[in-house]
């Protein structure tokens, strides 16, 4: 079971954002604070992993008296064994298996993020929440939150750090899994900043280490804003 972000619990639970882990949760919250200068209008819930996100969604769809009017999901498009070509499609199949009986999912996942209301004739209106889904990094490519953050670095910073990390992997100094390359690059870049021991992505966001973060995350932030209206309180 996951846990709600303590700083957000006071806002109530009618709007809920499910995420895969605490790092993503704190980073999203800090991103909203940075751009909108206010607290998010949703409760963040750490589900521990991608299966936890899907399980928490299913749990909320069978409650006889649901408390959530809006449920957002942030999932990485990095299922083991998936590729650039099928990562998003495999996530879509997972969603269809969970909510396809109550929601009409589009044939192609929208690049601006999914926002969908329950099928009108399936159950009485008001008994199921509006659902929003964002597949990191951009709803069309294999990856994770760190891939989105990489796009907020300047070309020099991103290329230089990536080349060093790749060389470390080639020289057998680094042992990270190839699918975690973006994590390794982002964390290496963070370690080169002052202070070099920041434990969470949210601290690096708050300190302004990701120079172009508002531009890189604009579509993601727009999805959050359209799903959780108003975005800030």
Protein backbone atom coordinates (compact mmCIF):
# COMPACT_ATOMS: atom_id res chain seq x y z
CA UNK A 1 0.00 0.00 0.00
CA UNK A 2 1.13 3.51 -0.71
CA UNK A 3 0.92 6.59 1.43
CA UNK A 4 -0.37 10.11 0.84
CA UNK A 5 2.02 13.03 0.76
CA UNK A 6 1.65 14.58 4.23
CA UNK A 7 1.89 18.19 3.03
CA UNK A 8 -1.08 17.72 0.73
CA UNK A 9 -3.45 15.67 2.86
CA UNK A 10 -5.14 18.79 4.26
CA UNK A 11 -6.55 19.65 0.84
CA UNK A 12 -9.01 16.74 1.00
CA UNK A 13 -9.24 13.65 -1.15
CA UNK A 14 -11.73 14.48 -3.91
CA UNK A 15 -8.80 14.94 -6.34
CA UNK A 16 -6.09 12.31 -6.21
CA UNK A 17 -2.82 11.83 -8.09
CA UNK A 18 -1.35 8.31 -8.08
CA UNK A 19 2.39 8.00 -8.73
CA UNK A 20 4.92 5.15 -8.78
CA UNK A 21 7.18 6.34 -5.98
CA UNK A 22 8.13 9.08 -3.53
CA UNK A 23 10.77 10.65 -5.79
CA UNK A 24 8.24 11.28 -8.56
CA UNK A 25 5.65 12.50 -6.08
CA UNK A 26 7.92 15.08 -4.45
CA UNK A 27 9.24 16.20 -7.84
CA UNK A 28 5.75 16.79 -9.28
CA UNK A 29 4.66 18.69 -6.19
CA UNK A 30 7.79 20.86 -6.30
CA UNK A 31 7.32 21.48 -10.02
CA UNK A 32 3.78 22.75 -9.42
CA UNK A 33 4.98 24.96 -6.57
CA UNK A 34 7.81 26.36 -8.69
CA UNK A 35 5.65 27.26 -11.67
CA UNK A 36 2.37 28.24 -9.97
CA UNK A 37 3.71 29.59 -6.65
CA UNK A 38 1.01 27.68 -4.74
CA UNK A 39 0.12 24.26 -3.40
CA UNK A 40 -1.34 21.67 -5.79
CA UNK A 41 -5.10 21.10 -5.75
CA UNK A 42 -4.73 17.35 -5.40
CA UNK A 43 -3.61 14.79 -2.85
CA UNK A 44 -0.52 12.93 -3.99
CA UNK A 45 -0.41 9.19 -3.30
CA UNK A 46 2.80 7.12 -3.40
CA UNK A 47 1.82 3.68 -4.75
CA UNK A 48 5.39 2.27 -4.54
CA UNK A 49 5.49 0.97 -8.15
CA UNK A 50 3.58 0.80 -11.42
CA UNK A 51 1.48 -2.19 -10.37
CA UNK A 52 0.58 -0.28 -7.22
CA UNK A 53 -0.72 2.63 -9.31
CA UNK A 54 -2.96 0.33 -11.34
CA UNK A 55 -4.13 -1.55 -8.25
CA UNK A 56 -5.02 1.69 -6.46
CA UNK A 57 -6.99 2.81 -9.50
CA UNK A 58 -8.92 -0.47 -9.62
CA UNK A 59 -9.64 -0.22 -5.90
CA UNK A 60 -11.19 3.20 -6.30
CA UNK A 61 -13.43 2.08 -9.16
CA UNK A 62 -15.18 -0.57 -7.09
CA UNK A 63 -15.86 1.49 -3.97
CA UNK A 64 -19.64 1.71 -3.36
CA UNK A 65 -19.33 5.36 -2.31
CA UNK A 66 -16.22 6.74 -4.01
CA UNK A 67 -14.58 9.76 -2.43
CA UNK A 68 -12.62 10.83 -5.51
CA UNK A 69 -14.16 12.88 -8.29
CA UNK A 70 -10.85 13.03 -10.18
CA UNK A 71 -8.08 10.42 -10.23
CA UNK A 72 -4.83 11.10 -12.07
CA UNK A 73 -2.16 8.53 -12.85
CA UNK A 74 1.49 9.09 -13.71
CA UNK A 75 3.11 5.96 -15.09
CA UNK A 76 6.54 5.46 -16.62
CA UNK A 77 6.51 4.01 -20.14
CA UNK A 78 9.28 1.59 -19.25
CA UNK A 79 7.68 -1.83 -18.88
CA UNK A 80 10.35 -4.55 -18.80
CA UNK A 81 10.84 -5.96 -22.27
CA UNK A 82 9.11 -3.11 -24.04
CA UNK A 83 10.68 -1.04 -26.79
CA UNK A 84 10.34 2.47 -28.21
CA UNK A 85 7.68 1.09 -30.56
CA UNK A 86 5.45 -0.75 -28.11
CA UNK A 87 6.02 0.83 -24.66
CA UNK A 88 3.01 3.16 -24.81
CA UNK A 89 0.79 0.52 -26.43
CA UNK A 90 1.55 -1.95 -23.65
CA UNK A 91 0.58 0.60 -21.02
CA UNK A 92 -2.63 1.26 -22.94
CA UNK A 93 -3.43 -2.45 -22.88
CA UNK A 94 -2.92 -2.48 -19.11
CA UNK A 95 -5.31 0.44 -18.74
CA UNK A 96 -7.90 -1.17 -20.99
CA UNK A 97 -7.83 -4.31 -18.86
CA UNK A 98 -8.47 -2.22 -15.75
CA UNK A 99 -11.03 0.36 -16.89
CA UNK A 100 -12.20 -0.68 -20.36
CA UNK A 101 -15.61 -1.78 -19.10
CA UNK A 102 -16.44 1.70 -17.80
CA UNK A 103 -14.41 4.08 -19.99
CA UNK A 104 -14.05 4.46 -23.75
CA UNK A 105 -10.31 4.61 -24.28
CA UNK A 106 -9.04 6.20 -27.50
CA UNK A 107 -7.38 3.98 -30.09
CA UNK A 108 -4.24 6.15 -30.00
CA UNK A 109 -2.94 7.56 -26.75
CA UNK A 110 -3.07 11.38 -26.93
CA UNK A 111 0.32 13.09 -26.83
CA UNK A 112 -1.16 15.85 -24.67
CA UNK A 113 -2.13 13.29 -22.00
CA UNK A 114 -5.36 11.38 -21.46
CA UNK A 115 -8.39 12.83 -19.68
CA UNK A 116 -11.53 10.73 -19.84
CA UNK A 117 -14.95 10.61 -18.19
CA UNK A 118 -16.85 7.38 -17.47
CA UNK A 119 -19.10 5.91 -20.14
CA UNK A 120 -22.56 7.46 -19.56
CA UNK A 121 -24.59 4.28 -19.87
CA UNK A 122 -22.28 1.99 -17.92
CA UNK A 123 -23.09 3.18 -14.40
CA UNK A 124 -25.01 6.04 -12.88
CA UNK A 125 -23.30 9.37 -13.39
CA UNK A 126 -21.35 10.48 -10.37
CA UNK A 127 -20.33 7.01 -9.19
CA UNK A 128 -17.07 6.92 -11.15
CA UNK A 129 -14.31 9.52 -11.25
CA UNK A 130 -12.84 11.40 -14.16
CA UNK A 131 -9.51 9.74 -14.95
CA UNK A 132 -6.35 11.33 -16.25
CA UNK A 133 -3.25 9.43 -17.36
CA UNK A 134 0.22 10.70 -18.22
CA UNK A 135 2.83 8.25 -19.52
CA UNK A 136 6.31 9.52 -18.76
CA UNK A 137 8.10 11.12 -20.38
CA UNK A 138 5.85 12.42 -23.18
CA UNK A 139 3.08 9.87 -23.87
CA UNK A 140 4.84 8.57 -26.98
CA UNK A 141 8.29 7.24 -26.02
CA UNK A 142 9.87 4.65 -23.74
CA UNK A 143 11.12 6.28 -20.58
CA UNK A 144 10.50 7.78 -17.17
CA UNK A 145 10.34 11.10 -15.32
CA UNK A 146 14.09 11.59 -15.61
CA UNK A 147 13.78 11.58 -19.40
CA UNK A 148 11.46 14.57 -19.12
CA UNK A 149 13.90 16.34 -16.81
CA UNK A 150 16.76 15.68 -19.24
CA UNK A 151 14.98 17.83 -21.78
CA UNK A 152 15.12 20.73 -19.34
CA UNK A 153 18.92 20.76 -19.35
CA UNK A 154 20.89 22.89 -21.76
CA UNK A 155 22.39 21.04 -24.73
CA UNK A 156 25.93 21.40 -23.38
CA UNK A 157 25.03 20.10 -19.92
CA UNK A 158 22.96 17.21 -21.25
CA UNK A 159 25.46 16.11 -23.91
CA UNK A 160 28.49 16.42 -21.66
CA UNK A 161 26.94 14.53 -18.74
CA UNK A 162 25.54 11.84 -21.04
CA UNK A 163 28.92 11.29 -22.67
CA UNK A 164 30.63 10.88 -19.29
CA UNK A 165 28.00 8.44 -18.02
CA UNK A 166 28.11 6.41 -21.25
CA UNK A 167 31.88 6.26 -21.06
CA UNK A 168 31.69 5.06 -17.45
CA UNK A 169 29.34 2.29 -18.59
CA UNK A 170 31.68 1.34 -21.45
CA UNK A 171 34.65 1.24 -19.07
CA UNK A 172 32.72 -0.97 -16.59
CA UNK A 173 32.88 1.70 -13.91
CA UNK A 174 29.09 2.02 -13.89
CA UNK A 175 26.78 -0.98 -13.42
CA UNK A 176 23.32 0.55 -13.87
CA UNK A 177 20.84 -1.23 -16.13
CA UNK A 178 20.74 0.26 -19.66
CA UNK A 179 17.05 1.13 -19.26
CA UNK A 180 18.04 3.43 -16.38
CA UNK A 181 20.44 5.56 -18.43
CA UNK A 182 18.37 8.73 -17.95
CA UNK A 183 18.33 8.18 -14.18
CA UNK A 184 22.10 7.79 -14.17
CA UNK A 185 22.60 10.95 -16.25
CA UNK A 186 20.25 13.09 -14.16
CA UNK A 187 21.70 11.88 -10.86
CA UNK A 188 25.26 12.41 -12.10
CA UNK A 189 24.39 15.93 -13.17
CA UNK A 190 22.81 16.59 -9.76
CA UNK A 191 25.97 15.29 -8.04
CA UNK A 192 28.05 17.87 -9.89
CA UNK A 193 26.00 20.78 -8.58
CA UNK A 194 26.20 22.55 -5.24
CA UNK A 195 25.47 20.94 -2.89
CA UNK A 196 26.45 17.61 -4.47
CA UNK A 197 24.45 15.40 -2.08
CA UNK A 198 20.85 16.33 -2.86
CA UNK A 199 18.79 13.20 -2.09
CA UNK A 200 15.70 13.97 -4.17
CA UNK A 201 14.83 15.37 -7.59
CA UNK A 202 12.53 17.88 -5.90
CA UNK A 203 15.49 19.61 -4.21
CA UNK A 204 17.29 20.00 -7.55
CA UNK A 205 14.09 21.43 -9.08
CA UNK A 206 13.71 23.88 -6.20
CA UNK A 207 17.33 25.03 -6.51
CA UNK A 208 16.91 25.70 -10.22
CA UNK A 209 19.38 23.11 -11.49
CA UNK A 210 17.09 22.27 -14.44
CA UNK A 211 17.38 25.50 -16.40
CA UNK A 212 14.52 25.12 -18.89
CA UNK A 213 12.12 23.14 -16.76
CA UNK A 214 9.01 25.26 -17.39
CA UNK A 215 9.42 24.89 -21.16
CA UNK A 216 10.33 21.19 -21.06
CA UNK A 217 7.40 20.37 -18.76
CA UNK A 218 4.84 22.73 -20.33
CA UNK A 219 2.66 20.01 -21.90
CA UNK A 220 2.78 17.92 -18.73
CA UNK A 221 1.82 20.91 -16.59
CA UNK A 222 -0.99 21.73 -19.02
CA UNK A 223 -2.34 18.19 -18.58
CA UNK A 224 -2.26 18.60 -14.79
CA UNK A 225 -4.05 21.92 -15.10
CA UNK A 226 -6.79 20.56 -17.35
CA UNK A 227 -7.31 17.52 -15.14
CA UNK A 228 -7.26 19.23 -11.76
CA UNK A 229 -9.13 22.51 -12.32
CA UNK A 230 -8.16 24.77 -10.66
CA UNK A 231 -4.59 23.48 -10.46
CA UNK A 232 -3.62 25.62 -7.48
CA UNK A 233 -5.45 26.71 -4.33
